[in-house]
Amino acid sequence: MNKTIVITGATGALGNKTAHAFAGRGHSLVLLDNDQTKLDALTRDLHLPHERLFASVVDLRDGHALRAAVQAIIVKFGGVHALIHLVGGWVGGKTLIEASVEDLDFMLAQHVWTTFHLFQSFAPHLIKSGWGRVIMVSASTVPNPPGKSGPYAAAKAAQENLVLTLAAELKEKRVTANIIQVRAIDVEHKGTGATPDEIVAAMLYLFSDEASKINGTRLPLY
């Protein structure tokens, strides 16, 4: 059955691989990113018909802008079935004493505010669809953060708790929310973390009907 999949951070290495994997299985895609040139290139590579694709540059930190985009998405597809949140960003290398307020603000905006706005905007439509999946990729270091990573670790921990809260709130709605934790995204296959192919395989499993009872988990890929 064709479903509508929302992918944020769509033009990154992992987002690109995710888009191709779900498009290849016959699903419709909503691609959200902040780089128009890369987004245009991705849409060309996908070769999807217009009726199966919505691509837009949206600042996910801006709740008003995101809600306007969501209205257009619902008009086009009638609903959504999955939200795969892949927006990244890292600030580190400084002790807590050295870190600036701007470092923390940036990490909170990148990870917490984007997630909060996405959940508020899309969760009602996942509920309405009667079947939904929320998947986020996070870091294996979140439970036990190393030094010189305070702003990032704090933001990712808050982001994970938003996902787990959503999982608890929607568990009776046939909507699951799960986290895939990786040590690193190993784009160059150097053995330093999980490859995009491995992460996408985990996504496809969590998306499947067979994974309908997996909810509110941190799936370790490390």
Protein backbone atom coordinates (compact mmCIF):
# COMPACT_ATOMS: atom_id res chain seq x y z
CA MET A 1 0.00 0.00 0.00
CA ASN A 2 1.32 3.43 -0.94
CA LYS A 3 2.00 5.57 2.12
CA THR A 4 3.23 9.15 2.49
CA ILE A 5 6.62 9.49 4.17
CA VAL A 6 7.98 12.79 5.51
CA ILE A 7 11.79 12.98 5.55
CA THR A 8 13.57 15.95 7.13
CA GLY A 9 17.21 16.69 6.39
CA ALA A 10 16.45 14.97 3.12
CA THR A 11 19.55 16.00 1.19
CA GLY A 12 22.13 14.67 3.65
CA ALA A 13 23.84 11.36 2.96
CA LEU A 14 21.39 9.47 5.18
CA GLY A 15 18.35 11.43 4.02
CA ASN A 16 19.22 10.78 0.38
CA LYS A 17 19.57 7.07 0.98
CA THR A 18 16.31 7.03 2.96
CA ALA A 19 14.42 8.85 0.20
CA HIS A 20 15.60 6.42 -2.46
CA ALA A 21 14.76 3.38 -0.29
CA PHE A 22 11.17 4.42 0.42
CA ALA A 23 10.58 5.73 -3.11
CA GLY A 24 11.77 2.40 -4.46
CA ARG A 25 9.09 0.65 -2.42
CA GLY A 26 6.34 2.68 -4.05
CA HIS A 27 5.71 5.27 -1.35
CA SER A 28 5.07 8.98 -1.80
CA LEU A 29 7.64 11.35 -0.35
CA VAL A 30 7.61 14.69 1.44
CA LEU A 31 11.18 16.01 1.41
CA LEU A 32 11.98 18.90 3.74
CA ASP A 33 15.40 20.55 3.76
CA ASN A 34 17.15 23.91 3.99
CA ASP A 35 19.15 23.75 0.73
CA GLN A 36 17.17 24.38 -2.46
CA THR A 37 19.98 23.40 -4.83
CA LYS A 38 20.56 20.03 -3.17
CA LEU A 39 16.82 19.46 -2.88
CA ASP A 40 16.37 20.08 -6.61
CA ALA A 41 19.17 17.61 -7.37
CA LEU A 42 17.61 14.95 -5.14
CA THR A 43 14.17 15.31 -6.70
CA ARG A 44 15.71 14.93 -10.16
CA ASP A 45 17.56 11.78 -9.11
CA LEU A 46 14.42 10.19 -7.67
CA HIS A 47 12.47 10.39 -10.95
CA LEU A 48 9.16 10.33 -9.09
CA PRO A 49 5.94 11.48 -10.75
CA HIS A 50 4.56 14.78 -9.49
CA GLU A 51 1.69 13.11 -7.67
CA ARG A 52 4.12 11.15 -5.45
CA LEU A 53 6.46 13.99 -4.47
CA PHE A 54 6.38 17.16 -2.39
CA ALA A 55 9.70 18.94 -1.82
CA SER A 56 10.12 22.19 0.04
CA VAL A 57 12.72 24.34 1.75
CA VAL A 58 11.38 24.95 5.26
CA ASP A 59 13.01 26.28 8.42
CA LEU A 60 11.85 23.67 10.91
CA ARG A 61 12.76 26.00 13.76
CA ASP A 62 9.89 28.23 12.62
CA GLY A 63 6.62 26.67 13.73
CA HIS A 64 4.48 29.02 11.64
CA ALA A 65 6.41 28.26 8.44
CA LEU A 66 6.23 24.54 9.11
CA ARG A 67 2.48 24.56 9.73
CA ALA A 68 1.95 26.39 6.43
CA ALA A 69 3.95 23.67 4.66
CA VAL A 70 1.98 20.94 6.42
CA GLN A 71 -1.29 22.42 5.18
CA ALA A 72 0.00 22.21 1.60
CA ILE A 73 1.16 18.63 2.18
CA ILE A 74 -2.24 17.53 3.49
CA VAL A 75 -4.01 19.23 0.59
CA LYS A 76 -1.85 17.26 -1.83
CA PHE A 77 -1.76 13.82 -0.19
CA GLY A 78 -4.72 13.83 2.18
CA GLY A 79 -2.61 12.59 5.08
CA VAL A 80 0.78 11.34 6.20
CA HIS A 81 1.91 7.99 7.59
CA ALA A 82 5.51 8.43 8.73
CA LEU A 83 7.88 11.11 9.96
CA ILE A 84 11.60 10.38 9.68
CA HIS A 85 13.52 13.20 11.35
CA LEU A 86 17.14 13.36 10.19
CA VAL A 87 18.17 16.97 10.77
CA GLY A 88 21.69 16.92 12.20
CA GLY A 89 24.15 19.41 13.57
CA TRP A 90 26.93 19.26 16.14
CA VAL A 91 28.71 21.79 18.31
CA GLY A 92 31.44 20.38 20.49
CA GLY A 93 35.08 20.41 21.39
CA LYS A 94 34.55 22.83 24.28
CA THR A 95 34.18 22.25 27.99
CA LEU A 96 31.05 23.52 29.71
CA ILE A 97 33.10 26.43 30.99
CA GLU A 98 34.23 27.29 27.45
CA ALA A 99 30.87 26.75 25.71
CA SER A 100 28.86 29.84 24.84
CA VAL A 101 25.18 30.60 25.24
CA GLU A 102 25.02 30.70 21.45
CA ASP A 103 26.33 27.13 21.26
CA LEU A 104 23.52 25.88 23.48
CA ASP A 105 20.88 27.99 21.74
CA PHE A 106 21.95 26.61 18.36
CA MET A 107 21.82 23.00 19.53
CA LEU A 108 18.44 23.46 21.20
CA ALA A 109 17.06 25.09 18.06
CA GLN A 110 18.50 22.41 15.78
CA HIS A 111 17.40 19.38 17.75
CA VAL A 112 14.71 20.29 20.27
CA TRP A 113 12.70 23.04 18.62
CA THR A 114 12.67 21.31 15.22
CA THR A 115 11.40 18.13 16.85
CA PHE A 116 8.79 19.93 18.94
CA HIS A 117 7.40 21.79 15.92
CA LEU A 118 7.40 18.66 13.77
CA PHE A 119 5.51 16.65 16.36
CA GLN A 120 2.92 19.35 16.94
CA SER A 121 2.44 19.78 13.19
CA PHE A 122 2.40 16.15 12.02
CA ALA A 123 1.21 14.04 14.98
CA PRO A 124 -2.49 14.96 14.53
CA HIS A 125 -2.30 13.77 10.93
CA LEU A 126 -0.54 10.53 11.87
CA ILE A 127 -3.35 9.89 14.36
CA LYS A 128 -5.96 10.68 11.73
CA SER A 129 -4.37 8.24 9.30
CA GLY A 130 -4.89 5.47 11.86
CA TRP A 131 -1.37 4.13 11.26
CA GLY A 132 1.90 5.93 11.78
CA ARG A 133 5.62 5.74 12.37
CA VAL A 134 8.00 8.30 13.85
CA ILE A 135 11.71 7.52 13.55
CA MET A 136 14.65 9.61 14.71
CA VAL A 137 18.40 8.97 14.58
CA SER A 138 20.40 9.87 17.65
CA ALA A 139 23.82 9.30 19.21
CA SER A 140 24.89 6.33 21.33
CA THR A 141 26.65 8.78 23.67
CA VAL A 142 23.45 10.47 24.84
CA PRO A 143 22.96 8.28 27.96
CA ASN A 144 26.61 8.74 29.02
CA PRO A 145 27.97 11.87 27.32
CA PRO A 146 31.72 12.38 27.03
CA GLY A 147 33.39 15.62 27.97
CA LYS A 148 33.40 18.61 25.65
CA SER A 149 29.94 17.82 24.26
CA GLY A 150 27.61 19.56 26.71
CA PRO A 151 25.33 21.62 24.42
CA TYR A 152 24.97 18.76 21.92
CA ALA A 153 24.40 16.12 24.59
CA ALA A 154 21.83 18.24 26.40
CA ALA A 155 19.89 18.95 23.21
CA LYS A 156 19.93 15.33 22.01
CA ALA A 157 18.79 14.07 25.42
CA ALA A 158 15.87 16.49 25.34
CA GLN A 159 15.08 15.47 21.77
CA GLU A 160 15.05 11.78 22.70
CA ASN A 161 12.68 12.49 25.57
CA LEU A 162 10.30 14.25 23.19
CA VAL A 163 10.26 11.08 21.07
CA LEU A 164 9.68 8.84 24.07
CA THR A 165 6.91 11.12 25.33
CA LEU A 166 5.22 10.99 21.93
CA ALA A 167 5.49 7.20 21.97
CA ALA A 168 3.69 7.08 25.31
CA GLU A 169 0.99 9.52 24.24
CA LEU A 170 0.20 7.79 20.93
CA LYS A 171 0.57 4.14 21.91
CA GLU A 172 -3.20 3.56 21.67
CA LYS A 173 -3.43 5.30 18.28
CA ARG A 174 -1.52 2.73 16.15
CA VAL A 175 1.36 5.21 15.91
CA THR A 176 4.84 4.22 17.11
CA ALA A 177 7.83 6.44 17.83
CA ASN A 178 11.35 5.05 18.09
CA ILE A 179 14.97 6.15 18.18
CA ILE A 180 17.87 4.57 16.28
CA GLN A 181 21.10 5.22 18.17
CA VAL A 182 24.42 5.14 16.31
CA ARG A 183 28.00 5.84 17.35
CA ALA A 184 28.49 7.65 14.03
CA ILE A 185 27.07 7.61 10.52
CA ASP A 186 29.78 5.85 8.53
CA VAL A 187 29.25 7.35 5.08
CA GLU A 188 32.69 6.28 3.84
CA HIS A 189 32.46 2.70 5.19
CA LYS A 190 35.52 3.10 7.42
CA GLY A 191 34.13 0.92 10.20
CA THR A 192 33.62 3.90 12.50
CA GLY A 193 29.87 3.51 12.95
CA ALA A 194 26.68 2.37 11.23
CA THR A 195 26.52 2.81 7.47
CA PRO A 196 23.57 4.59 5.85
CA ASP A 197 22.48 1.21 4.41
CA GLU A 198 22.42 -0.33 7.90
CA ILE A 199 20.47 2.58 9.34
CA VAL A 200 17.94 2.53 6.49
CA ALA A 201 17.48 -1.23 6.98
CA ALA A 202 16.56 -0.53 10.61
CA MET A 203 14.16 2.21 9.49
CA LEU A 204 12.45 -0.13 7.04
CA TYR A 205 11.97 -2.68 9.80
CA LEU A 206 10.53 -0.13 12.23
CA PHE A 207 8.25 1.05 9.42
CA SER A 208 6.93 -2.45 8.76
CA ASP A 209 3.73 -3.93 10.15
CA GLU A 210 5.88 -6.60 11.81
CA ALA A 211 7.35 -3.89 14.06
CA SER A 212 3.98 -2.54 15.21
CA LYS A 213 4.65 -3.54 18.84
CA ILE A 214 8.05 -1.82 18.98
CA ASN A 215 7.38 1.58 20.50
CA GLY A 216 9.32 3.98 22.68
CA THR A 217 12.62 2.17 22.18
CA ARG A 218 16.22 3.16 21.65
CA LEU A 219 17.44 0.72 19.01
CA PRO A 220 21.23 0.35 19.28
CA LEU A 221 23.16 0.14 16.01
CA TYR A 222 26.64 0.14 17.54
